[in-house]
Amino acid sequence: MGLNFTAEILSHNVIGREELTTPAGTFKCYIVEMVTQSNVLMQKVVSTTRQWYARGIGSVKSETFDDSGKMTNSQLLIKIN
């Protein structure tokens, strides 16, 4: 028995630039914000994800928030091999 859900991207925008320091180094990043709406078990869930992208590297930081502003997930680049 699987879980079915649908998701829709409501917006996806570059909202700024920032120099970000992580354990893997310091990167000049674009900050991209994406707002999504998902329907899980007949319930609408809206979340906002901000990702910091560095040219030639990809995502170096990510934060996801629920519709009340509570952080539900975060990721940070700590090492480049």
PDB file of N, CA and C in Angstrom:
ATOM      1  N   MET A   1       0.854  -1.177   0.000  1.00  0.00           N
ATOM      2  CA  MET A   1       0.000   0.000   0.000  1.00  0.00           C
ATOM      3  C   MET A   1       0.894   1.232   0.000  1.00  0.00           C
ATOM      4  N   GLY A   2       0.776   2.042  -1.032  1.00  0.00           N
ATOM      5  CA  GLY A   2       1.604   3.239  -1.156  1.00  0.00           C
ATOM      6  C   GLY A   2       0.853   4.485  -0.753  1.00  0.00           C
ATOM      7  N   LEU A   3       1.595   5.546  -0.545  1.00  0.00           N
ATOM      8  CA  LEU A   3       1.034   6.846  -0.199  1.00  0.00           C
ATOM      9  C   LEU A   3       1.038   7.692  -1.454  1.00  0.00           C
ATOM     10  N   ASN A   4      -0.122   8.163  -1.862  1.00  0.00           N
ATOM     11  CA  ASN A   4      -0.233   9.024  -3.041  1.00  0.00           C
ATOM     12  C   ASN A   4      -0.380  10.477  -2.614  1.00  0.00           C
ATOM     13  N   PHE A   5       0.317  11.349  -3.314  1.00  0.00           N
ATOM     14  CA  PHE A   5       0.159  12.779  -3.061  1.00  0.00           C
ATOM     15  C   PHE A   5       0.441  13.538  -4.336  1.00  0.00           C
ATOM     16  N   THR A   6      -0.037  14.772  -4.376  1.00  0.00           N
ATOM     17  CA  THR A   6       0.258  15.658  -5.491  1.00  0.00           C
ATOM     18  C   THR A   6       0.946  16.904  -4.939  1.00  0.00           C
ATOM     19  N   ALA A   7       1.765  17.515  -5.771  1.00  0.00           N
ATOM     20  CA  ALA A   7       2.454  18.731  -5.358  1.00  0.00           C
ATOM     21  C   ALA A   7       2.430  19.726  -6.516  1.00  0.00           C
ATOM     22  N   GLU A   8       2.303  20.982  -6.175  1.00  0.00           N
ATOM     23  CA  GLU A   8       2.275  22.046  -7.165  1.00  0.00           C
ATOM     24  C   GLU A   8       3.235  23.146  -6.724  1.00  0.00           C
ATOM     25  N   ILE A   9       4.072  23.609  -7.640  1.00  0.00           N
ATOM     26  CA  ILE A   9       4.963  24.729  -7.349  1.00  0.00           C
ATOM     27  C   ILE A   9       4.173  26.012  -7.559  1.00  0.00           C
ATOM     28  N   LEU A  10       4.020  26.780  -6.490  1.00  0.00           N
ATOM     29  CA  LEU A  10       3.260  28.032  -6.562  1.00  0.00           C
ATOM     30  C   LEU A  10       4.137  29.192  -7.015  1.00  0.00           C
ATOM     31  N   SER A  11       5.403  29.191  -6.612  1.00  0.00           N
ATOM     32  CA  SER A  11       6.336  30.220  -7.062  1.00  0.00           C
ATOM     33  C   SER A  11       7.755  29.683  -6.940  1.00  0.00           C
ATOM     34  N   HIS A  12       8.638  30.251  -7.759  1.00  0.00           N
ATOM     35  CA  HIS A  12      10.036  29.819  -7.790  1.00  0.00           C
ATOM     36  C   HIS A  12      10.847  31.007  -8.268  1.00  0.00           C
ATOM     37  N   ASN A  13      11.545  31.687  -7.357  1.00  0.00           N
ATOM     38  CA  ASN A  13      12.199  32.947  -7.700  1.00  0.00           C
ATOM     39  C   ASN A  13      13.584  33.069  -7.079  1.00  0.00           C
ATOM     40  N   VAL A  14      14.480  33.764  -7.774  1.00  0.00           N
ATOM     41  CA  VAL A  14      15.745  34.176  -7.188  1.00  0.00           C
ATOM     42  C   VAL A  14      15.434  35.405  -6.338  1.00  0.00           C
ATOM     43  N   ILE A  15      15.750  35.324  -5.040  1.00  0.00           N
ATOM     44  CA  ILE A  15      15.396  36.430  -4.142  1.00  0.00           C
ATOM     45  C   ILE A  15      16.603  37.228  -3.671  1.00  0.00           C
ATOM     46  N   GLY A  16      17.811  36.790  -4.053  1.00  0.00           N
ATOM     47  CA  GLY A  16      18.974  37.559  -3.655  1.00  0.00           C
ATOM     48  C   GLY A  16      20.272  36.829  -3.914  1.00  0.00           C
ATOM     49  N   ARG A  17      21.357  37.487  -3.499  1.00  0.00           N
ATOM     50  CA  ARG A  17      22.697  36.912  -3.575  1.00  0.00           C
ATOM     51  C   ARG A  17      23.342  37.099  -2.224  1.00  0.00           C
ATOM     52  N   GLU A  18      24.235  36.157  -1.887  1.00  0.00           N
ATOM     53  CA  GLU A  18      24.867  36.234  -0.576  1.00  0.00           C
ATOM     54  C   GLU A  18      26.165  35.428  -0.597  1.00  0.00           C
ATOM     55  N   GLU A  19      27.158  35.915   0.110  1.00  0.00           N
ATOM     56  CA  GLU A  19      28.351  35.114   0.308  1.00  0.00           C
ATOM     57  C   GLU A  19      28.121  34.275   1.552  1.00  0.00           C
ATOM     58  N   LEU A  20      28.217  32.962   1.401  1.00  0.00           N
ATOM     59  CA  LEU A  20      27.867  32.023   2.467  1.00  0.00           C
ATOM     60  C   LEU A  20      29.093  31.203   2.836  1.00  0.00           C
ATOM     61  N   THR A  21      29.382  31.126   4.136  1.00  0.00           N
ATOM     62  CA  THR A  21      30.483  30.308   4.625  1.00  0.00           C
ATOM     63  C   THR A  21      29.923  29.053   5.269  1.00  0.00           C
ATOM     64  N   THR A  22      30.432  27.898   4.815  1.00  0.00           N
ATOM     65  CA  THR A  22      30.054  26.594   5.362  1.00  0.00           C
ATOM     66  C   THR A  22      31.343  25.871   5.761  1.00  0.00           C
ATOM     67  N   PRO A  23      31.252  24.726   6.418  1.00  0.00           N
ATOM     68  CA  PRO A  23      32.471  23.958   6.705  1.00  0.00           C
ATOM     69  C   PRO A  23      33.245  23.565   5.436  1.00  0.00           C
ATOM     70  N   ALA A  24      32.579  23.549   4.282  1.00  0.00           N
ATOM     71  CA  ALA A  24      33.225  23.184   3.016  1.00  0.00           C
ATOM     72  C   ALA A  24      33.910  24.377   2.345  1.00  0.00           C
ATOM     73  N   GLY A  25      33.710  25.590   2.865  1.00  0.00           N
ATOM     74  CA  GLY A  25      34.319  26.774   2.267  1.00  0.00           C
ATOM     75  C   GLY A  25      33.358  27.938   2.197  1.00  0.00           C
ATOM     76  N   THR A  26      33.793  29.006   1.549  1.00  0.00           N
ATOM     77  CA  THR A  26      32.986  30.208   1.370  1.00  0.00           C
ATOM     78  C   THR A  26      32.596  30.297  -0.101  1.00  0.00           C
ATOM     79  N   PHE A  27      31.299  30.559  -0.350  1.00  0.00           N
ATOM     80  CA  PHE A  27      30.756  30.519  -1.705  1.00  0.00           C
ATOM     81  C   PHE A  27      29.903  31.753  -1.972  1.00  0.00           C
ATOM     82  N   LYS A  28      29.996  32.286  -3.190  1.00  0.00           N
ATOM     83  CA  LYS A  28      29.086  33.335  -3.646  1.00  0.00           C
ATOM     84  C   LYS A  28      27.844  32.616  -4.177  1.00  0.00           C
ATOM     85  N   CYS A  29      26.695  32.887  -3.576  1.00  0.00           N
ATOM     86  CA  CYS A  29      25.485  32.109  -3.858  1.00  0.00           C
ATOM     87  C   CYS A  29      24.333  32.976  -4.349  1.00  0.00           C
ATOM     88  N   TYR A  30      23.491  32.353  -5.148  1.00  0.00           N
ATOM     89  CA  TYR A  30      22.166  32.882  -5.448  1.00  0.00           C
ATOM     90  C   TYR A  30      21.204  32.211  -4.492  1.00  0.00           C
ATOM     91  N   ILE A  31      20.274  32.974  -3.930  1.00  0.00           N
ATOM     92  CA  ILE A  31      19.262  32.412  -3.034  1.00  0.00           C
ATOM     93  C   ILE A  31      17.977  32.246  -3.838  1.00  0.00           C
ATOM     94  N   VAL A  32      17.495  31.021  -3.902  1.00  0.00           N
ATOM     95  CA  VAL A  32      16.293  30.693  -4.662  1.00  0.00           C
ATOM     96  C   VAL A  32      15.218  30.247  -3.673  1.00  0.00           C
ATOM     97  N   GLU A  33      14.035  30.852  -3.783  1.00  0.00           N
ATOM     98  CA  GLU A  33      12.916  30.502  -2.899  1.00  0.00           C
ATOM     99  C   GLU A  33      11.819  29.834  -3.721  1.00  0.00           C
ATOM    100  N   MET A  34      11.338  28.697  -3.230  1.00  0.00           N
ATOM    101  CA  MET A  34      10.273  27.966  -3.902  1.00  0.00           C
ATOM    102  C   MET A  34       9.157  27.696  -2.888  1.00  0.00           C
ATOM    103  N   VAL A  35       7.942  28.058  -3.270  1.00  0.00           N
ATOM    104  CA  VAL A  35       6.764  27.791  -2.447  1.00  0.00           C
ATOM    105  C   VAL A  35       5.984  26.670  -3.128  1.00  0.00           C
ATOM    106  N   THR A  36       5.688  25.615  -2.373  1.00  0.00           N
ATOM    107  CA  THR A  36       4.948  24.476  -2.923  1.00  0.00           C
ATOM    108  C   THR A  36       3.706  24.205  -2.092  1.00  0.00           C
ATOM    109  N   GLN A  37       2.731  23.626  -2.758  1.00  0.00           N
ATOM    110  CA  GLN A  37       1.506  23.175  -2.083  1.00  0.00           C
ATOM    111  C   GLN A  37       1.339  21.696  -2.400  1.00  0.00           C
ATOM    112  N   SER A  38       1.224  20.887  -1.369  1.00  0.00           N
ATOM    113  CA  SER A  38       1.046  19.446  -1.530  1.00  0.00           C
ATOM    114  C   SER A  38      -0.283  19.031  -0.928  1.00  0.00           C
ATOM    115  N   ASN A  39      -0.850  17.986  -1.479  1.00  0.00           N
ATOM    116  CA  ASN A  39      -2.055  17.388  -0.910  1.00  0.00           C
ATOM    117  C   ASN A  39      -1.682  15.987  -0.452  1.00  0.00           C
ATOM    118  N   VAL A  40      -1.626  15.812   0.874  1.00  0.00           N
ATOM    119  CA  VAL A  40      -1.255  14.538   1.470  1.00  0.00           C
ATOM    120  C   VAL A  40      -2.391  14.088   2.373  1.00  0.00           C
ATOM    121  N   LEU A  41      -2.911  12.904   2.107  1.00  0.00           N
ATOM    122  CA  LEU A  41      -4.020  12.358   2.902  1.00  0.00           C
ATOM    123  C   LEU A  41      -5.163  13.359   3.027  1.00  0.00           C
ATOM    124  N   MET A  42      -5.520  13.949   1.884  1.00  0.00           N
ATOM    125  CA  MET A  42      -6.650  14.887   1.799  1.00  0.00           C
ATOM    126  C   MET A  42      -6.414  16.186   2.576  1.00  0.00           C
ATOM    127  N   GLN A  43      -5.154  16.511   2.860  1.00  0.00           N
ATOM    128  CA  GLN A  43      -4.836  17.726   3.599  1.00  0.00           C
ATOM    129  C   GLN A  43      -3.840  18.560   2.789  1.00  0.00           C
ATOM    130  N   LYS A  44      -4.117  19.873   2.656  1.00  0.00           N
ATOM    131  CA  LYS A  44      -3.213  20.776   1.953  1.00  0.00           C
ATOM    132  C   LYS A  44      -2.058  21.166   2.869  1.00  0.00           C
ATOM    133  N   VAL A  45      -0.856  21.084   2.331  1.00  0.00           N
ATOM    134  CA  VAL A  45       0.341  21.472   3.067  1.00  0.00           C
ATOM    135  C   VAL A  45       1.120  22.445   2.197  1.00  0.00           C
ATOM    136  N   VAL A  46       1.380  23.649   2.717  1.00  0.00           N
ATOM    137  CA  VAL A  46       2.151  24.657   1.997  1.00  0.00           C
ATOM    138  C   VAL A  46       3.511  24.772   2.683  1.00  0.00           C
ATOM    139  N   SER A  47       4.577  24.749   1.890  1.00  0.00           N
ATOM    140  CA  SER A  47       5.916  24.890   2.461  1.00  0.00           C
ATOM    141  C   SER A  47       6.748  25.830   1.594  1.00  0.00           C
ATOM    142  N   THR A  48       7.751  26.424   2.227  1.00  0.00           N
ATOM    143  CA  THR A  48       8.672  27.325   1.549  1.00  0.00           C
ATOM    144  C   THR A  48      10.082  26.793   1.731  1.00  0.00           C
ATOM    145  N   THR A  49      10.792  26.653   0.617  1.00  0.00           N
ATOM    146  CA  THR A  49      12.179  26.183   0.665  1.00  0.00           C
ATOM    147  C   THR A  49      13.084  27.257   0.095  1.00  0.00           C
ATOM    148  N   ARG A  50      14.137  27.573   0.835  1.00  0.00           N
ATOM    149  CA  ARG A  50      15.176  28.487   0.350  1.00  0.00           C
ATOM    150  C   ARG A  50      16.434  27.673   0.141  1.00  0.00           C
ATOM    151  N   GLN A  51      17.040  27.834  -1.047  1.00  0.00           N
ATOM    152  CA  GLN A  51      18.276  27.130  -1.356  1.00  0.00           C
ATOM    153  C   GLN A  51      19.328  28.133  -1.795  1.00  0.00           C
ATOM    154  N   TRP A  52      20.553  27.909  -1.333  1.00  0.00           N
ATOM    155  CA  TRP A  52      21.687  28.730  -1.699  1.00  0.00           C
ATOM    156  C   TRP A  52      22.498  27.935  -2.718  1.00  0.00           C
ATOM    157  N   TYR A  53      22.575  28.441  -3.950  1.00  0.00           N
ATOM    158  CA  TYR A  53      23.274  27.765  -5.042  1.00  0.00           C
ATOM    159  C   TYR A  53      24.562  28.507  -5.375  1.00  0.00           C
ATOM    160  N   ALA A  54      25.659  27.749  -5.471  1.00  0.00           N
ATOM    161  CA  ALA A  54      26.946  28.308  -5.883  1.00  0.00           C
ATOM    162  C   ALA A  54      27.278  27.786  -7.274  1.00  0.00           C
ATOM    163  N   ARG A  55      27.694  28.677  -8.140  1.00  0.00           N
ATOM    164  CA  ARG A  55      28.052  28.304  -9.515  1.00  0.00           C
ATOM    165  C   ARG A  55      29.167  27.255  -9.498  1.00  0.00           C
ATOM    166  N   GLY A  56      28.961  26.181 -10.251  1.00  0.00           N
ATOM    167  CA  GLY A  56      29.949  25.119 -10.342  1.00  0.00           C
ATOM    168  C   GLY A  56      29.905  24.114  -9.209  1.00  0.00           C
ATOM    169  N   ILE A  57      29.114  24.397  -8.172  1.00  0.00           N
ATOM    170  CA  ILE A  57      29.004  23.506  -7.015  1.00  0.00           C
ATOM    171  C   ILE A  57      27.599  22.929  -6.905  1.00  0.00           C
ATOM    172  N   GLY A  58      26.581  23.795  -7.004  1.00  0.00           N
ATOM    173  CA  GLY A  58      25.187  23.392  -6.787  1.00  0.00           C
ATOM    174  C   GLY A  58      24.697  23.906  -5.451  1.00  0.00           C
ATOM    175  N   SER A  59      23.797  23.177  -4.843  1.00  0.00           N
ATOM    176  CA  SER A  59      23.204  23.604  -3.572  1.00  0.00           C
ATOM    177  C   SER A  59      24.207  23.433  -2.432  1.00  0.00           C
ATOM    178  N   VAL A  60      24.449  24.526  -1.683  1.00  0.00           N
ATOM    179  CA  VAL A  60      25.344  24.447  -0.528  1.00  0.00           C
ATOM    180  C   VAL A  60      24.588  24.597   0.787  1.00  0.00           C
ATOM    181  N   LYS A  61      23.343  25.065   0.703  1.00  0.00           N
ATOM    182  CA  LYS A  61      22.515  25.186   1.902  1.00  0.00           C
ATOM    183  C   LYS A  61      21.052  25.146   1.479  1.00  0.00           C
ATOM    184  N   SER A  62      20.219  24.553   2.323  1.00  0.00           N
ATOM    185  CA  SER A  62      18.786  24.482   2.053  1.00  0.00           C
ATOM    186  C   SER A  62      18.030  24.537   3.373  1.00  0.00           C
ATOM    187  N   GLU A  63      16.942  25.289   3.400  1.00  0.00           N
ATOM    188  CA  GLU A  63      16.065  25.370   4.575  1.00  0.00           C
ATOM    189  C   GLU A  63      14.618  25.298   4.106  1.00  0.00           C
ATOM    190  N   THR A  64      13.815  24.450   4.758  1.00  0.00           N
ATOM    191  CA  THR A  64      12.403  24.323   4.427  1.00  0.00           C
ATOM    192  C   THR A  64      11.574  24.680   5.655  1.00  0.00           C
ATOM    193  N   PHE A  65      10.514  25.462   5.420  1.00  0.00           N
ATOM    194  CA  PHE A  65       9.640  25.936   6.487  1.00  0.00           C
ATOM    195  C   PHE A  65       8.194  25.551   6.178  1.00  0.00           C
ATOM    196  N   ASP A  66       7.427  25.218   7.212  1.00  0.00           N
ATOM    197  CA  ASP A  66       5.997  24.970   7.001  1.00  0.00           C
ATOM    198  C   ASP A  66       5.264  26.304   6.951  1.00  0.00           C
ATOM    199  N   ASP A  67       3.944  26.263   6.768  1.00  0.00           N
ATOM    200  CA  ASP A  67       3.185  27.516   6.597  1.00  0.00           C
ATOM    201  C   ASP A  67       3.109  28.360   7.860  1.00  0.00           C
ATOM    202  N   SER A  68       3.505  27.806   9.017  1.00  0.00           N
ATOM    203  CA  SER A  68       3.534  28.610  10.240  1.00  0.00           C
ATOM    204  C   SER A  68       4.907  29.239  10.472  1.00  0.00           C
ATOM    205  N   GLY A  69       5.876  28.942   9.586  1.00  0.00           N
ATOM    206  CA  GLY A  69       7.211  29.503   9.704  1.00  0.00           C
ATOM    207  C   GLY A  69       8.187  28.628  10.465  1.00  0.00           C
ATOM    208  N   LYS A  70       7.759  27.442  10.889  1.00  0.00           N
ATOM    209  CA  LYS A  70       8.628  26.517  11.621  1.00  0.00           C
ATOM    210  C   LYS A  70       9.523  25.765  10.635  1.00  0.00           C
ATOM    211  N   MET A  71      10.841  25.727  10.923  1.00  0.00           N
ATOM    212  CA  MET A  71      11.760  25.005  10.056  1.00  0.00           C
ATOM    213  C   MET A  71      11.514  23.505  10.197  1.00  0.00           C
ATOM    214  N   THR A  72      11.343  22.835   9.064  1.00  0.00           N
ATOM    215  CA  THR A  72      11.076  21.397   9.078  1.00  0.00           C
ATOM    216  C   THR A  72      12.231  20.579   8.517  1.00  0.00           C
ATOM    217  N   ASN A  73      13.165  21.235   7.820  1.00  0.00           N
ATOM    218  CA  ASN A  73      14.292  20.525   7.229  1.00  0.00           C
ATOM    219  C   ASN A  73      15.403  21.521   6.928  1.00  0.00           C
ATOM    220  N   SER A  74      16.644  21.083   7.081  1.00  0.00           N
ATOM    221  CA  SER A  74      17.773  21.922   6.681  1.00  0.00           C
ATOM    222  C   SER A  74      18.927  21.023   6.246  1.00  0.00           C
ATOM    223  N   GLN A  75      19.718  21.549   5.320  1.00  0.00           N
ATOM    224  CA  GLN A  75      20.900  20.843   4.831  1.00  0.00           C
ATOM    225  C   GLN A  75      22.010  21.858   4.646  1.00  0.00           C
ATOM    226  N   LEU A  76      23.253  21.422   4.883  1.00  0.00           N
ATOM    227  CA  LEU A  76      24.409  22.295   4.739  1.00  0.00           C
ATOM    228  C   LEU A  76      25.567  21.486   4.188  1.00  0.00           C
ATOM    229  N   LEU A  77      26.243  22.014   3.179  1.00  0.00           N
ATOM    230  CA  LEU A  77      27.402  21.348   2.591  1.00  0.00           C
ATOM    231  C   LEU A  77      28.560  21.418   3.584  1.00  0.00           C
ATOM    232  N   ILE A  78      29.106  20.266   3.913  1.00  0.00           N
ATOM    233  CA  ILE A  78      30.210  20.253   4.888  1.00  0.00           C
ATOM    234  C   ILE A  78      31.532  19.815   4.283  1.00  0.00           C
ATOM    235  N   LYS A  79      31.495  19.170   3.092  1.00  0.00           N
ATOM    236  CA  LYS A  79      32.726  18.686   2.505  1.00  0.00           C
ATOM    237  C   LYS A  79      32.578  18.507   1.008  1.00  0.00           C
ATOM    238  N   ILE A  80      33.628  18.809   0.261  1.00  0.00           N
ATOM    239  CA  ILE A  80      33.673  18.558  -1.172  1.00  0.00           C
ATOM    240  C   ILE A  80      34.817  17.592  -1.417  1.00  0.00           C
ATOM    241  N   ASN A  81      34.525  16.478  -2.031  1.00  0.00           N
ATOM    242  CA  ASN A  81      35.580  15.493  -2.336  1.00  0.00           C
ATOM    243  C   ASN A  81      36.128  15.704  -3.720  1.00  0.00           C
TER     244      ASN A  81
END
